[in-house]
Amino acid sequence: MEEDLKYPIGKFHRVDKLSSAARGELIETIAQVPARMREAVKGLGEAQLDTPYRPGGWSVRQVVHHVPDSHMNAVVRMKLALTENEPTIKTYEEAEWAKLADTKAPIEPSLTLLESLHARWVLLLRSLGENEWTRRFVHPAMGPVTLEQTLALYAWHGRHHVAHVTKLREREGWK
């Protein structure tokens, strides 16, 4: 049960190679994340936004703030890989970021940021040629990561966190 609450769409499984069609589907998934997140939190009150999606987990509010934080890092990593030769990226302590004061703020700025960020990101993703998908950055813990693998990870990541909110709504009977 705990695993279902933590990974409502299942754990991410790293991919090695994607077809052009599969990449297109993942880009579309990324394009839809902002609208799906906005819909997932629609009508929630302050107490609901401050409810953890699972025992010991982040609040809905923290999740909403986390997604654009994480996806901004993804965009920067991809741009570094497109403009430098296998750059080593910097990681960040997402659990610590989730404790900062801005994660207690209203969610609208983060929803708007997510929409704007994804609009730009999708333009970039759709512009990439076949060879660019194999460009890589080096993650200190994971090693070399291709842009294709990054695409798959963040398509999953957006769906994963939207599902945290939608599954909580279902469990709590929030309409």
Protein backbone atom coordinates (compact mmCIF):
# COMPACT_ATOMS: atom_id res chain seq x y z
CA MET A 1 0.00 0.00 0.00
CA GLU A 2 2.79 2.45 0.95
CA GLU A 3 4.51 1.74 -2.37
CA ASP A 4 1.26 2.49 -4.25
CA LEU A 5 0.97 5.84 -2.46
CA LYS A 6 4.60 6.70 -3.16
CA TYR A 7 4.58 5.51 -6.80
CA PRO A 8 0.96 5.74 -7.98
CA ILE A 9 1.91 5.12 -11.64
CA GLY A 10 4.77 2.76 -10.81
CA LYS A 11 8.49 3.38 -10.55
CA PHE A 12 10.42 4.89 -13.43
CA HIS A 13 12.29 2.44 -15.62
CA ARG A 14 15.24 3.92 -17.53
CA VAL A 15 15.12 3.51 -21.30
CA ASP A 16 18.06 3.18 -23.63
CA LYS A 17 16.52 3.97 -27.02
CA LEU A 18 13.20 5.41 -28.16
CA SER A 19 11.58 5.55 -31.57
CA SER A 20 10.70 8.91 -33.06
CA ALA A 21 7.02 8.13 -32.43
CA ALA A 22 7.69 7.27 -28.78
CA ARG A 23 9.60 10.54 -28.33
CA GLY A 24 6.65 12.40 -29.85
CA GLU A 25 4.28 10.79 -27.36
CA LEU A 26 6.55 11.69 -24.46
CA ILE A 27 6.83 15.29 -25.66
CA GLU A 28 3.03 15.43 -25.78
CA THR A 29 2.92 14.07 -22.22
CA ILE A 30 5.25 16.87 -21.11
CA ALA A 31 3.10 19.40 -22.98
CA GLN A 32 0.02 18.24 -21.04
CA VAL A 33 1.52 18.28 -17.54
CA PRO A 34 0.68 21.92 -16.71
CA ALA A 35 -3.00 21.55 -17.63
CA ARG A 36 -3.22 18.23 -15.82
CA MET A 37 -1.64 19.68 -12.68
CA ARG A 38 -3.94 22.71 -12.80
CA GLU A 39 -6.96 20.42 -13.15
CA ALA A 40 -5.69 18.16 -10.34
CA VAL A 41 -5.62 21.05 -7.84
CA LYS A 42 -8.71 22.86 -9.12
CA GLY A 43 -11.02 23.88 -6.30
CA LEU A 44 -8.80 22.67 -3.46
CA GLY A 45 -8.87 24.77 -0.31
CA GLU A 46 -5.92 25.76 1.83
CA ALA A 47 -6.31 22.80 4.21
CA GLN A 48 -6.46 20.39 1.27
CA LEU A 49 -3.37 21.96 -0.32
CA ASP A 50 -1.54 21.44 2.96
CA THR A 51 -2.51 17.75 3.15
CA PRO A 52 0.33 15.28 2.49
CA TYR A 53 -0.33 12.99 -0.46
CA ARG A 54 0.87 10.08 1.74
CA PRO A 55 1.98 9.67 5.36
CA GLY A 56 5.39 11.31 5.67
CA GLY A 57 5.14 12.74 2.16
CA TRP A 58 4.99 16.25 0.84
CA SER A 59 1.84 18.33 0.94
CA VAL A 60 -0.06 18.95 -2.28
CA ARG A 61 1.26 22.53 -2.12
CA GLN A 62 4.87 21.29 -1.91
CA VAL A 63 4.28 18.94 -4.84
CA VAL A 64 2.92 21.79 -6.96
CA HIS A 65 5.98 23.92 -6.17
CA HIS A 66 8.37 20.99 -6.67
CA VAL A 67 7.37 20.15 -10.23
CA PRO A 68 8.47 23.44 -11.84
CA ASP A 69 11.61 23.46 -9.65
CA SER A 70 12.50 20.00 -10.91
CA HIS A 71 11.56 20.68 -14.51
CA MET A 72 13.57 23.92 -14.57
CA ASN A 73 16.58 21.83 -13.60
CA ALA A 74 15.75 19.38 -16.40
CA VAL A 75 15.57 22.14 -19.01
CA VAL A 76 18.90 23.58 -17.89
CA ARG A 77 20.50 20.13 -17.97
CA MET A 78 19.21 19.52 -21.49
CA LYS A 79 20.43 22.90 -22.70
CA LEU A 80 23.84 22.26 -21.19
CA ALA A 81 24.00 18.92 -23.02
CA LEU A 82 23.01 20.64 -26.27
CA THR A 83 25.66 23.33 -25.97
CA GLU A 84 28.56 21.63 -24.19
CA ASN A 85 30.37 18.33 -24.58
CA GLU A 86 29.02 15.98 -21.89
CA PRO A 87 28.86 18.54 -19.08
CA THR A 88 28.73 17.33 -15.51
CA ILE A 89 25.58 18.75 -14.02
CA LYS A 90 24.98 19.88 -10.48
CA THR A 91 22.41 18.02 -8.44
CA TYR A 92 20.16 19.68 -5.91
CA GLU A 93 18.64 18.61 -2.62
CA GLU A 94 14.97 18.49 -3.59
CA ALA A 95 13.87 17.47 -0.08
CA GLU A 96 15.60 20.59 1.29
CA TRP A 97 14.12 22.77 -1.45
CA ALA A 98 10.67 21.49 -0.39
CA LYS A 99 11.26 23.02 3.08
CA LEU A 100 12.04 26.53 1.83
CA ALA A 101 9.61 29.38 2.49
CA ASP A 102 8.41 29.65 -1.11
CA THR A 103 6.90 26.15 -0.88
CA LYS A 104 4.41 27.50 1.64
CA ALA A 105 3.28 30.25 -0.73
CA PRO A 106 0.14 30.26 -2.90
CA ILE A 107 0.39 27.78 -5.78
CA GLU A 108 -0.73 30.04 -8.63
CA PRO A 109 2.78 31.40 -9.38
CA SER A 110 4.11 27.85 -9.64
CA LEU A 111 1.22 26.76 -11.88
CA THR A 112 1.88 29.75 -14.15
CA LEU A 113 5.63 29.04 -14.09
CA LEU A 114 4.96 25.42 -15.03
CA GLU A 115 2.80 26.51 -17.98
CA SER A 116 5.39 29.00 -19.25
CA LEU A 117 8.33 26.67 -18.70
CA HIS A 118 6.65 23.77 -20.50
CA ALA A 119 5.63 25.99 -23.42
CA ARG A 120 9.30 26.86 -23.99
CA TRP A 121 10.52 23.34 -23.21
CA VAL A 122 8.15 21.73 -25.70
CA LEU A 123 9.34 24.14 -28.41
CA LEU A 124 12.90 23.06 -27.71
CA LEU A 125 12.05 19.35 -27.60
CA ARG A 126 10.14 19.48 -30.89
CA SER A 127 13.11 21.21 -32.54
CA LEU A 128 15.62 18.47 -31.78
CA GLY A 129 17.05 16.40 -34.62
CA GLU A 130 17.69 12.67 -34.47
CA ASN A 131 21.37 13.06 -33.48
CA GLU A 132 20.64 15.58 -30.74
CA TRP A 133 18.65 13.01 -28.73
CA THR A 134 21.88 11.09 -28.10
CA ARG A 135 23.66 14.08 -26.58
CA ARG A 136 24.49 13.51 -22.93
CA PHE A 137 25.20 15.17 -19.65
CA VAL A 138 26.89 13.45 -16.73
CA HIS A 139 24.87 13.09 -13.55
CA PRO A 140 27.13 12.65 -10.50
CA ALA A 141 25.06 9.70 -9.22
CA MET A 142 23.67 8.19 -12.44
CA GLY A 143 26.56 8.71 -14.82
CA PRO A 144 25.97 9.68 -18.48
CA VAL A 145 22.33 10.42 -19.33
CA THR A 146 21.06 11.06 -22.86
CA LEU A 147 18.47 13.67 -23.74
CA GLU A 148 16.23 10.80 -24.79
CA GLN A 149 16.49 9.26 -21.32
CA THR A 150 15.87 12.66 -19.76
CA LEU A 151 12.73 13.08 -21.87
CA ALA A 152 11.38 9.73 -20.66
CA LEU A 153 12.22 10.50 -17.03
CA TYR A 154 10.50 13.88 -16.96
CA ALA A 155 7.43 12.71 -18.86
CA TRP A 156 7.10 10.09 -16.12
CA HIS A 157 7.92 12.64 -13.40
CA GLY A 158 5.10 15.00 -14.36
CA ARG A 159 2.55 12.18 -14.53
CA HIS A 160 3.88 10.77 -11.23
CA HIS A 161 3.26 13.99 -9.30
CA VAL A 162 -0.09 14.75 -10.92
CA ALA A 163 -1.13 11.24 -9.85
CA HIS A 164 -0.08 12.00 -6.27
CA VAL A 165 -2.69 14.75 -6.22
CA THR A 166 -5.43 12.97 -8.18
CA LYS A 167 -5.11 9.74 -6.15
CA LEU A 168 -5.26 11.74 -2.90
CA ARG A 169 -8.41 13.46 -4.16
CA GLU A 170 -9.96 10.07 -4.92
CA ARG A 171 -9.02 8.60 -1.54
CA GLU A 172 -10.33 11.63 0.34
CA GLY A 173 -13.48 12.00 -1.79
CA TRP A 174 -12.58 15.59 -2.73
CA LYS A 175 -14.70 16.63 -5.68
